[in-house]
């Protein structure tokens, strides 16, 4: 039930990003660096705002939302806390998804794939397997926030490279990334 609720919030952000990608791709393809960076800033602000709003609504309404799925008091209590912890650093999802889309847009699809896998795959899976062994139920609750902290760090460290790669590929006379890949084969 918690995952269903979290996915609803994800779909909102994903829809916003589907509107962002063609705008950024058009600016990138046209080598309009100013417009590209404007669209990146707008998408980042929008993604963070959307995820913060979803986060606030879910945290404030955690108990009634869980009660939509189950009325057992014990399940509602566990579900409420799990939802609160799942959403504690939810803007990490918005940041990571925006960075994934942007890296794909600038022709760095492998790094975009890496970014799309880190939050729930590379970080969450090991953390959810390890933390409960040491912290019990608290480890289950803390797994997503810990994975989100690691995700935020990777994404923030990836921003300078994204700016550098995008700017380099938008210089007059530079070859678009798709042509680089064709030339490499």
N, C-alpha and C. Protein backbone atom coordinates (compact mmCIF):
# COMPACT_ATOMS: atom_id res chain seq x y z
N UNK A 1 0.82 -1.20 0.00
CA UNK A 1 0.00 0.00 0.00
C UNK A 1 0.86 1.26 0.00
N UNK A 2 1.97 1.23 0.75
CA UNK A 2 2.86 2.39 0.78
C UNK A 2 3.47 2.61 -0.61
N UNK A 3 3.91 1.52 -1.26
CA UNK A 3 4.51 1.67 -2.58
C UNK A 3 3.51 2.22 -3.59
N UNK A 4 2.26 1.83 -3.47
CA UNK A 4 1.24 2.36 -4.39
C UNK A 4 1.12 3.87 -4.23
N UNK A 5 1.11 4.32 -3.00
CA UNK A 5 1.02 5.76 -2.75
C UNK A 5 2.26 6.48 -3.26
N UNK A 6 3.43 5.93 -3.01
CA UNK A 6 4.67 6.55 -3.47
C UNK A 6 4.69 6.63 -4.99
N UNK A 7 4.21 5.58 -5.65
CA UNK A 7 4.19 5.58 -7.12
C UNK A 7 3.30 6.68 -7.69
N UNK A 8 2.20 6.98 -7.02
CA UNK A 8 1.34 8.07 -7.50
C UNK A 8 2.14 9.37 -7.56
N UNK A 9 2.90 9.65 -6.52
CA UNK A 9 3.76 10.83 -6.52
C UNK A 9 4.81 10.77 -7.60
N UNK A 10 5.36 9.59 -7.83
CA UNK A 10 6.36 9.42 -8.90
C UNK A 10 5.77 9.75 -10.26
N UNK A 11 4.55 9.32 -10.49
CA UNK A 11 3.91 9.56 -11.78
C UNK A 11 3.72 11.05 -12.05
N UNK A 12 3.44 11.81 -11.01
CA UNK A 12 3.30 13.27 -11.17
C UNK A 12 4.61 13.86 -11.65
N UNK A 13 5.71 13.49 -11.02
CA UNK A 13 7.03 14.02 -11.39
C UNK A 13 7.43 13.52 -12.78
N UNK A 14 7.14 12.27 -13.06
CA UNK A 14 7.50 11.71 -14.37
C UNK A 14 6.75 12.44 -15.49
N UNK A 15 5.49 12.78 -15.26
CA UNK A 15 4.73 13.53 -16.25
C UNK A 15 5.33 14.91 -16.49
N UNK A 16 5.72 15.57 -15.43
CA UNK A 16 6.38 16.88 -15.55
C UNK A 16 7.67 16.74 -16.36
N UNK A 17 8.44 15.72 -16.07
CA UNK A 17 9.72 15.52 -16.77
C UNK A 17 9.51 15.16 -18.23
N UNK A 18 8.40 14.50 -18.57
CA UNK A 18 8.12 14.20 -19.97
C UNK A 18 7.84 15.48 -20.76
N UNK A 19 7.38 16.51 -20.07
CA UNK A 19 7.22 17.81 -20.72
C UNK A 19 8.54 18.56 -20.82
N UNK A 20 9.42 18.33 -19.87
CA UNK A 20 10.73 19.00 -19.85
C UNK A 20 11.68 18.47 -20.92
N UNK A 21 11.70 17.16 -21.11
CA UNK A 21 12.71 16.58 -21.99
C UNK A 21 12.68 17.13 -23.42
N UNK A 22 11.54 17.25 -24.10
CA UNK A 22 11.58 17.78 -25.46
C UNK A 22 12.05 19.24 -25.52
N UNK A 23 11.72 20.02 -24.51
CA UNK A 23 12.16 21.42 -24.47
C UNK A 23 13.68 21.48 -24.35
N UNK A 24 14.22 20.70 -23.41
CA UNK A 24 15.67 20.67 -23.22
C UNK A 24 16.37 20.09 -24.45
N UNK A 25 15.80 19.04 -25.03
CA UNK A 25 16.41 18.41 -26.20
C UNK A 25 16.42 19.36 -27.39
N UNK A 26 15.34 20.10 -27.57
CA UNK A 26 15.30 21.05 -28.68
C UNK A 26 16.36 22.13 -28.50
N UNK A 27 16.46 22.69 -27.30
CA UNK A 27 17.46 23.71 -27.02
C UNK A 27 18.87 23.15 -27.19
N UNK A 28 19.09 21.93 -26.73
CA UNK A 28 20.40 21.31 -26.86
C UNK A 28 20.74 21.08 -28.33
N UNK A 29 19.79 20.52 -29.07
CA UNK A 29 20.01 20.27 -30.50
C UNK A 29 20.24 21.53 -31.30
N UNK A 30 19.57 22.61 -30.89
CA UNK A 30 19.73 23.90 -31.58
C UNK A 30 20.98 24.64 -31.09
N UNK A 31 21.68 24.03 -30.14
CA UNK A 31 22.89 24.62 -29.54
C UNK A 31 22.61 25.98 -28.91
N UNK A 32 21.41 26.09 -28.34
CA UNK A 32 21.01 27.31 -27.64
C UNK A 32 21.30 27.07 -26.15
N UNK A 33 22.54 27.37 -25.78
CA UNK A 33 22.99 27.05 -24.43
C UNK A 33 22.20 27.79 -23.36
N UNK A 34 21.90 29.05 -23.60
CA UNK A 34 21.15 29.82 -22.60
C UNK A 34 19.77 29.20 -22.37
N UNK A 35 19.07 28.84 -23.44
CA UNK A 35 17.74 28.23 -23.32
C UNK A 35 17.82 26.85 -22.66
N UNK A 36 18.85 26.10 -23.00
CA UNK A 36 19.04 24.78 -22.40
C UNK A 36 19.19 24.91 -20.88
N UNK A 37 20.09 25.78 -20.45
CA UNK A 37 20.32 25.94 -19.01
C UNK A 37 19.09 26.52 -18.30
N UNK A 38 18.33 27.37 -18.99
CA UNK A 38 17.08 27.87 -18.41
C UNK A 38 16.10 26.72 -18.19
N UNK A 39 16.01 25.85 -19.18
CA UNK A 39 15.07 24.72 -19.05
C UNK A 39 15.52 23.77 -17.94
N UNK A 40 16.83 23.58 -17.79
CA UNK A 40 17.33 22.72 -16.71
C UNK A 40 16.98 23.33 -15.35
N UNK A 41 17.22 24.62 -15.20
CA UNK A 41 16.90 25.28 -13.93
C UNK A 41 15.41 25.21 -13.63
N UNK A 42 14.59 25.45 -14.65
CA UNK A 42 13.14 25.39 -14.47
C UNK A 42 12.71 23.97 -14.07
N UNK A 43 13.26 22.97 -14.74
CA UNK A 43 12.89 21.58 -14.43
C UNK A 43 13.33 21.20 -13.03
N UNK A 44 14.51 21.65 -12.64
CA UNK A 44 14.99 21.35 -11.29
C UNK A 44 14.08 21.98 -10.25
N UNK A 45 13.76 23.25 -10.42
CA UNK A 45 12.87 23.92 -9.47
C UNK A 45 11.49 23.26 -9.46
N UNK A 46 10.97 22.95 -10.64
CA UNK A 46 9.66 22.32 -10.73
C UNK A 46 9.63 20.94 -10.09
N UNK A 47 10.66 20.14 -10.36
CA UNK A 47 10.73 18.79 -9.78
C UNK A 47 10.84 18.86 -8.27
N UNK A 48 11.66 19.77 -7.78
CA UNK A 48 11.81 19.90 -6.32
C UNK A 48 10.53 20.41 -5.68
N UNK A 49 9.85 21.36 -6.33
CA UNK A 49 8.59 21.87 -5.81
C UNK A 49 7.52 20.77 -5.79
N UNK A 50 7.39 20.04 -6.91
CA UNK A 50 6.39 18.97 -6.97
C UNK A 50 6.65 17.89 -5.92
N UNK A 51 7.91 17.47 -5.80
CA UNK A 51 8.21 16.43 -4.83
C UNK A 51 8.03 16.93 -3.40
N UNK A 52 8.34 18.19 -3.15
CA UNK A 52 8.14 18.75 -1.80
C UNK A 52 6.64 18.82 -1.47
N UNK A 53 5.82 19.17 -2.46
CA UNK A 53 4.37 19.22 -2.22
C UNK A 53 3.80 17.82 -1.97
N UNK A 54 4.22 16.85 -2.77
CA UNK A 54 3.78 15.47 -2.57
C UNK A 54 4.26 14.97 -1.21
N UNK A 55 5.51 15.27 -0.89
CA UNK A 55 6.08 14.87 0.40
C UNK A 55 5.26 15.44 1.56
N UNK A 56 4.97 16.73 1.51
CA UNK A 56 4.21 17.37 2.59
C UNK A 56 2.81 16.77 2.72
N UNK A 57 2.13 16.58 1.59
CA UNK A 57 0.79 16.01 1.64
C UNK A 57 0.81 14.59 2.21
N UNK A 58 1.75 13.79 1.79
CA UNK A 58 1.82 12.41 2.26
C UNK A 58 2.19 12.33 3.73
N UNK A 59 3.09 13.18 4.17
CA UNK A 59 3.47 13.15 5.59
C UNK A 59 2.31 13.63 6.46
N UNK A 60 1.66 14.71 6.05
CA UNK A 60 0.55 15.25 6.83
C UNK A 60 -0.67 14.32 6.83
N UNK A 61 -0.86 13.61 5.74
CA UNK A 61 -2.05 12.74 5.60
C UNK A 61 -1.71 11.26 5.64
N UNK A 62 -0.56 10.92 6.23
CA UNK A 62 -0.09 9.53 6.21
C UNK A 62 -1.13 8.55 6.75
N UNK A 63 -1.66 8.81 7.91
CA UNK A 63 -2.61 7.87 8.52
C UNK A 63 -3.88 7.71 7.69
N UNK A 64 -4.56 8.82 7.29
CA UNK A 64 -5.77 8.62 6.47
C UNK A 64 -5.49 7.95 5.12
N UNK A 65 -4.32 8.21 4.55
CA UNK A 65 -3.98 7.57 3.28
C UNK A 65 -3.81 6.07 3.45
N UNK A 66 -3.14 5.66 4.50
CA UNK A 66 -2.96 4.23 4.77
C UNK A 66 -4.31 3.58 5.06
N UNK A 67 -5.18 4.31 5.76
CA UNK A 67 -6.51 3.77 6.10
C UNK A 67 -7.39 3.56 4.87
N UNK A 68 -7.04 4.17 3.74
CA UNK A 68 -7.77 3.90 2.50
C UNK A 68 -7.58 2.44 2.07
N UNK A 69 -6.48 1.85 2.47
CA UNK A 69 -6.14 0.49 2.05
C UNK A 69 -6.42 -0.55 3.12
N UNK A 70 -6.35 -0.15 4.41
CA UNK A 70 -6.49 -1.13 5.48
C UNK A 70 -6.92 -0.42 6.76
N UNK A 71 -7.76 -1.05 7.55
CA UNK A 71 -8.22 -0.41 8.79
C UNK A 71 -7.66 -1.08 10.05
N UNK A 72 -6.84 -2.11 9.88
CA UNK A 72 -6.21 -2.77 11.02
C UNK A 72 -5.27 -1.77 11.70
N UNK A 73 -5.50 -1.46 13.00
CA UNK A 73 -4.70 -0.43 13.68
C UNK A 73 -3.19 -0.68 13.65
N UNK A 74 -2.79 -1.93 13.76
CA UNK A 74 -1.35 -2.23 13.74
C UNK A 74 -0.76 -1.96 12.35
N UNK A 75 -1.47 -2.38 11.33
CA UNK A 75 -1.00 -2.16 9.95
C UNK A 75 -1.01 -0.67 9.64
N UNK A 76 -2.04 0.03 10.08
CA UNK A 76 -2.11 1.48 9.85
C UNK A 76 -0.93 2.18 10.52
N UNK A 77 -0.60 1.78 11.73
CA UNK A 77 0.52 2.40 12.44
C UNK A 77 1.85 2.14 11.73
N UNK A 78 2.13 0.89 11.38
CA UNK A 78 3.36 0.57 10.66
C UNK A 78 3.39 1.27 9.30
N UNK A 79 2.26 1.20 8.60
CA UNK A 79 2.18 1.82 7.27
C UNK A 79 2.37 3.32 7.31
N UNK A 80 1.78 3.96 8.33
CA UNK A 80 1.92 5.41 8.48
C UNK A 80 3.39 5.78 8.62
N UNK A 81 4.10 5.10 9.50
CA UNK A 81 5.51 5.43 9.73
C UNK A 81 6.37 5.07 8.52
N UNK A 82 6.03 3.98 7.86
CA UNK A 82 6.79 3.62 6.66
C UNK A 82 6.60 4.68 5.58
N UNK A 83 5.37 5.15 5.39
CA UNK A 83 5.12 6.20 4.40
C UNK A 83 5.85 7.48 4.76
N UNK A 84 5.83 7.85 6.01
CA UNK A 84 6.53 9.08 6.45
C UNK A 84 8.02 8.96 6.16
N UNK A 85 8.62 7.83 6.50
CA UNK A 85 10.05 7.66 6.25
C UNK A 85 10.36 7.57 4.75
N UNK A 86 9.48 6.91 3.99
CA UNK A 86 9.68 6.82 2.53
C UNK A 86 9.69 8.20 1.90
N UNK A 87 8.89 9.11 2.45
CA UNK A 87 8.75 10.45 1.87
C UNK A 87 9.70 11.47 2.49
N UNK A 88 10.44 11.10 3.52
CA UNK A 88 11.26 12.05 4.27
C UNK A 88 12.20 12.86 3.39
N UNK A 89 12.79 12.23 2.42
CA UNK A 89 13.71 12.93 1.51
C UNK A 89 13.26 12.74 0.06
N UNK A 90 11.97 12.77 -0.15
CA UNK A 90 11.40 12.51 -1.47
C UNK A 90 11.92 13.43 -2.57
N UNK A 91 12.28 14.68 -2.28
CA UNK A 91 12.85 15.50 -3.35
C UNK A 91 14.09 14.88 -4.01
N UNK A 92 14.72 13.91 -3.37
CA UNK A 92 15.83 13.19 -4.01
C UNK A 92 15.36 12.52 -5.29
N UNK A 93 14.13 12.01 -5.28
CA UNK A 93 13.59 11.38 -6.49
C UNK A 93 13.49 12.41 -7.61
N UNK A 94 12.97 13.60 -7.29
CA UNK A 94 12.84 14.64 -8.31
C UNK A 94 14.19 15.05 -8.87
N UNK A 95 15.16 15.24 -8.00
CA UNK A 95 16.51 15.61 -8.43
C UNK A 95 17.12 14.52 -9.31
N UNK A 96 17.04 13.29 -8.87
CA UNK A 96 17.64 12.18 -9.60
C UNK A 96 16.95 11.98 -10.95
N UNK A 97 15.64 12.07 -10.99
CA UNK A 97 14.92 11.88 -12.24
C UNK A 97 15.24 13.00 -13.23
N UNK A 98 15.32 14.24 -12.73
CA UNK A 98 15.68 15.36 -13.59
C UNK A 98 17.09 15.17 -14.14
N UNK A 99 18.02 14.74 -13.31
CA UNK A 99 19.39 14.52 -13.76
C UNK A 99 19.45 13.37 -14.78
N UNK A 100 18.69 12.32 -14.56
CA UNK A 100 18.64 11.20 -15.49
C UNK A 100 18.19 11.67 -16.86
N UNK A 101 17.09 12.40 -16.90
CA UNK A 101 16.54 12.91 -18.16
C UNK A 101 17.55 13.84 -18.84
N UNK A 102 18.19 14.70 -18.07
CA UNK A 102 19.13 15.66 -18.64
C UNK A 102 20.34 14.96 -19.23
N UNK A 103 20.89 14.00 -18.52
CA UNK A 103 22.04 13.26 -19.06
C UNK A 103 21.65 12.51 -20.33
N UNK A 104 20.46 11.96 -20.39
CA UNK A 104 20.01 11.30 -21.62
C UNK A 104 19.87 12.32 -22.75
N UNK A 105 19.37 13.50 -22.42
CA UNK A 105 19.17 14.55 -23.41
C UNK A 105 20.48 15.02 -24.03
N UNK A 106 21.54 15.07 -23.24
CA UNK A 106 22.82 15.57 -23.76
C UNK A 106 23.66 14.45 -24.37
N UNK A 107 23.06 13.28 -24.52
CA UNK A 107 23.73 12.18 -25.21
C UNK A 107 24.56 11.29 -24.32
N UNK A 108 24.44 11.44 -23.02
CA UNK A 108 25.19 10.61 -22.07
C UNK A 108 24.24 9.56 -21.49
N UNK A 109 23.72 8.70 -22.36
CA UNK A 109 22.68 7.76 -21.94
C UNK A 109 23.19 6.73 -20.93
N UNK A 110 24.45 6.35 -21.01
CA UNK A 110 24.97 5.37 -20.04
C UNK A 110 24.97 5.96 -18.63
N UNK A 111 25.40 7.20 -18.50
CA UNK A 111 25.39 7.81 -17.18
C UNK A 111 23.95 8.07 -16.72
N UNK A 112 23.08 8.42 -17.67
CA UNK A 112 21.67 8.57 -17.34
C UNK A 112 21.08 7.27 -16.83
N UNK A 113 21.47 6.15 -17.44
CA UNK A 113 21.01 4.84 -16.97
C UNK A 113 21.53 4.56 -15.56
N UNK A 114 22.80 4.90 -15.32
CA UNK A 114 23.37 4.74 -13.98
C UNK A 114 22.56 5.54 -12.96
N UNK A 115 22.27 6.80 -13.28
CA UNK A 115 21.50 7.64 -12.35
C UNK A 115 20.10 7.08 -12.11
N UNK A 116 19.51 6.51 -13.15
CA UNK A 116 18.15 5.97 -12.97
C UNK A 116 18.16 4.74 -12.07
N UNK A 117 19.30 4.08 -11.95
CA UNK A 117 19.37 2.85 -11.15
C UNK A 117 19.86 3.06 -9.73
N UNK A 118 20.45 4.20 -9.42
CA UNK A 118 21.11 4.32 -8.11
C UNK A 118 20.14 4.38 -6.93
N UNK A 119 19.06 5.12 -7.04
CA UNK A 119 18.20 5.34 -5.87
C UNK A 119 17.58 4.04 -5.38
N UNK A 120 16.90 3.32 -6.27
CA UNK A 120 16.19 2.12 -5.83
C UNK A 120 17.01 0.85 -6.01
N UNK A 121 18.00 0.87 -6.86
CA UNK A 121 18.78 -0.34 -7.11
C UNK A 121 20.10 -0.36 -6.37
N UNK A 122 20.99 0.46 -6.79
CA UNK A 122 22.35 0.46 -6.25
C UNK A 122 22.40 0.80 -4.77
N UNK A 123 21.58 1.73 -4.32
CA UNK A 123 21.62 2.15 -2.92
C UNK A 123 20.55 1.49 -2.06
N UNK A 124 19.30 1.50 -2.50
CA UNK A 124 18.21 1.02 -1.65
C UNK A 124 18.32 -0.48 -1.35
N UNK A 125 18.58 -1.28 -2.35
CA UNK A 125 18.59 -2.73 -2.14
C UNK A 125 19.62 -3.14 -1.08
N UNK A 126 20.88 -2.73 -1.19
CA UNK A 126 21.82 -3.13 -0.13
C UNK A 126 21.45 -2.56 1.25
N UNK A 127 20.96 -1.32 1.26
CA UNK A 127 20.62 -0.68 2.54
C UNK A 127 19.44 -1.40 3.21
N UNK A 128 18.43 -1.77 2.43
CA UNK A 128 17.26 -2.44 3.01
C UNK A 128 17.63 -3.86 3.48
N UNK A 129 18.66 -4.43 2.90
CA UNK A 129 19.10 -5.75 3.34
C UNK A 129 20.00 -5.67 4.58
N UNK A 130 20.73 -4.57 4.74
CA UNK A 130 21.67 -4.46 5.86
C UNK A 130 21.11 -3.78 7.10
N UNK A 131 20.45 -2.64 6.93
CA UNK A 131 20.01 -1.87 8.10
C UNK A 131 19.10 -2.63 9.06
N UNK A 132 18.12 -3.39 8.58
CA UNK A 132 17.26 -4.11 9.54
C UNK A 132 18.02 -5.11 10.41
N UNK A 133 19.13 -5.62 9.92
CA UNK A 133 19.92 -6.55 10.73
C UNK A 133 20.49 -5.86 11.96
N UNK A 134 20.77 -4.57 11.82
CA UNK A 134 21.37 -3.82 12.93
C UNK A 134 20.36 -3.00 13.71
N UNK A 135 19.32 -2.51 13.02
CA UNK A 135 18.38 -1.59 13.66
C UNK A 135 16.96 -2.13 13.77
N UNK A 136 16.73 -3.35 13.34
CA UNK A 136 15.38 -3.92 13.40
C UNK A 136 14.41 -3.17 12.50
N UNK A 137 13.20 -2.94 13.00
CA UNK A 137 12.17 -2.25 12.22
C UNK A 137 12.59 -0.84 11.85
N UNK A 138 13.37 -0.19 12.71
CA UNK A 138 13.87 1.15 12.41
C UNK A 138 14.76 1.13 11.17
N UNK A 139 15.48 0.04 10.96
CA UNK A 139 16.30 -0.11 9.76
C UNK A 139 15.47 -0.15 8.50
N UNK A 140 14.29 -0.76 8.60
CA UNK A 140 13.38 -0.78 7.45
C UNK A 140 12.90 0.63 7.16
N UNK A 141 12.51 1.34 8.22
CA UNK A 141 12.05 2.72 8.05
C UNK A 141 13.15 3.61 7.49
N UNK A 142 14.37 3.44 7.95
CA UNK A 142 15.48 4.34 7.59
C UNK A 142 16.11 4.02 6.24
N UNK A 143 15.80 2.89 5.66
CA UNK A 143 16.47 2.47 4.42
C UNK A 143 16.30 3.48 3.28
N UNK A 144 15.07 3.92 3.04
CA UNK A 144 14.86 4.86 1.93
C UNK A 144 15.54 6.20 2.18
N UNK A 145 15.42 6.80 3.36
CA UNK A 145 16.14 8.06 3.58
C UNK A 145 17.66 7.92 3.41
N UNK A 146 18.22 6.82 3.85
CA UNK A 146 19.66 6.61 3.67
C UNK A 146 20.00 6.52 2.18
N UNK A 147 19.22 5.75 1.44
CA UNK A 147 19.43 5.64 -0.01
C UNK A 147 19.26 7.00 -0.68
N UNK A 148 18.30 7.79 -0.20
CA UNK A 148 18.08 9.13 -0.77
C UNK A 148 19.24 10.07 -0.50
N UNK A 149 19.83 9.99 0.67
CA UNK A 149 21.00 10.83 0.98
C UNK A 149 22.15 10.50 0.02
N UNK A 150 22.39 9.23 -0.19
CA UNK A 150 23.44 8.81 -1.12
C UNK A 150 23.13 9.27 -2.55
N UNK A 151 21.86 9.17 -2.94
CA UNK A 151 21.42 9.61 -4.27
C UNK A 151 21.65 11.10 -4.44
N UNK A 152 21.27 11.88 -3.44
CA UNK A 152 21.45 13.33 -3.50
C UNK A 152 22.93 13.67 -3.68
N UNK A 153 23.79 12.99 -2.94
CA UNK A 153 25.23 13.25 -3.06
C UNK A 153 25.74 12.98 -4.47
N UNK A 154 25.37 11.83 -5.04
CA UNK A 154 25.81 11.49 -6.39
C UNK A 154 25.28 12.52 -7.40
N UNK A 155 24.02 12.88 -7.28
CA UNK A 155 23.43 13.83 -8.22
C UNK A 155 24.09 15.20 -8.12
N UNK A 156 24.31 15.68 -6.91
CA UNK A 156 24.96 16.98 -6.74
C UNK A 156 26.37 16.95 -7.31
N UNK A 157 27.09 15.87 -7.08
CA UNK A 157 28.44 15.75 -7.63
C UNK A 157 28.43 15.62 -9.15
N UNK A 158 27.31 15.22 -9.74
CA UNK A 158 27.19 15.05 -11.19
C UNK A 158 26.84 16.35 -11.92
N UNK A 159 26.39 17.35 -11.21
CA UNK A 159 25.95 18.60 -11.85
C UNK A 159 27.07 19.29 -12.62
N UNK A 160 28.26 19.49 -12.04
CA UNK A 160 29.32 20.16 -12.82
C UNK A 160 29.67 19.44 -14.12
N UNK A 161 29.73 18.11 -14.09
CA UNK A 161 30.04 17.35 -15.30
C UNK A 161 28.93 17.53 -16.34
N UNK A 162 27.68 17.52 -15.88
CA UNK A 162 26.57 17.71 -16.81
C UNK A 162 26.67 19.07 -17.50
N UNK A 163 26.95 20.11 -16.73
CA UNK A 163 27.07 21.45 -17.31
C UNK A 163 28.23 21.50 -18.31
N UNK A 164 29.35 20.91 -17.93
CA UNK A 164 30.54 20.93 -18.79
C UNK A 164 30.27 20.17 -20.10
N UNK A 165 29.70 18.98 -20.01
CA UNK A 165 29.43 18.16 -21.19
C UNK A 165 28.43 18.87 -22.10
N UNK A 166 27.36 19.39 -21.51
CA UNK A 166 26.34 20.07 -22.32
C UNK A 166 26.94 21.28 -23.02
N UNK A 167 27.69 22.10 -22.30
CA UNK A 167 28.28 23.30 -22.90
C UNK A 167 29.26 22.92 -24.01
N UNK A 168 30.08 21.90 -23.76
CA UNK A 168 31.06 21.47 -24.77
C UNK A 168 30.35 21.00 -26.05
N UNK A 169 29.25 20.26 -25.88
CA UNK A 169 28.53 19.72 -27.04
C UNK A 169 27.67 20.76 -27.75
N UNK A 170 27.51 21.94 -27.16
CA UNK A 170 26.73 22.99 -27.81
C UNK A 170 27.62 24.05 -28.44
N UNK A 171 28.93 23.88 -28.39
CA UNK A 171 29.82 24.85 -29.03
C UNK A 171 29.62 24.80 -30.53
N UNK A 172 29.74 25.93 -31.21
CA UNK A 172 29.61 25.94 -32.68
C UNK A 172 30.63 24.97 -33.28
N UNK A 173 30.16 24.15 -34.20
CA UNK A 173 31.04 23.21 -34.87
C UNK A 173 31.21 21.89 -34.15
N UNK A 174 30.64 21.75 -32.95
CA UNK A 174 30.75 20.48 -32.24
C UNK A 174 29.81 19.47 -32.87
N UNK A 175 30.19 18.20 -32.78
CA UNK A 175 29.40 17.12 -33.34
C UNK A 175 28.39 16.67 -32.31
N UNK A 176 27.11 16.55 -32.70
CA UNK A 176 26.11 16.05 -31.75
C UNK A 176 26.48 14.67 -31.24
N UNK A 177 26.10 14.33 -30.01
CA UNK A 177 26.47 13.05 -29.41
C UNK A 177 26.10 11.84 -30.25
N UNK A 178 24.96 11.84 -30.94
CA UNK A 178 24.56 10.69 -31.75
C UNK A 178 25.57 10.45 -32.87
N UNK A 179 26.13 11.54 -33.42
CA UNK A 179 27.13 11.39 -34.48
C UNK A 179 28.44 10.86 -33.91
N UNK A 180 28.76 11.20 -32.65
CA UNK A 180 29.95 10.65 -31.99
C UNK A 180 29.83 9.13 -31.93
N UNK A 181 28.67 8.63 -31.52
CA UNK A 181 28.48 7.20 -31.36
C UNK A 181 28.58 6.49 -32.71
N UNK A 182 28.01 7.10 -33.76
CA UNK A 182 28.08 6.49 -35.09
C UNK A 182 29.53 6.48 -35.60
N UNK A 183 30.29 7.54 -35.30
CA UNK A 183 31.67 7.62 -35.75
C UNK A 183 32.55 6.62 -35.00
N UNK A 184 32.19 6.28 -33.76
CA UNK A 184 32.98 5.35 -32.96
C UNK A 184 32.84 3.91 -33.46
N UNK A 185 31.75 3.61 -34.13
CA UNK A 185 31.51 2.21 -34.57
C UNK A 185 32.30 1.83 -35.75
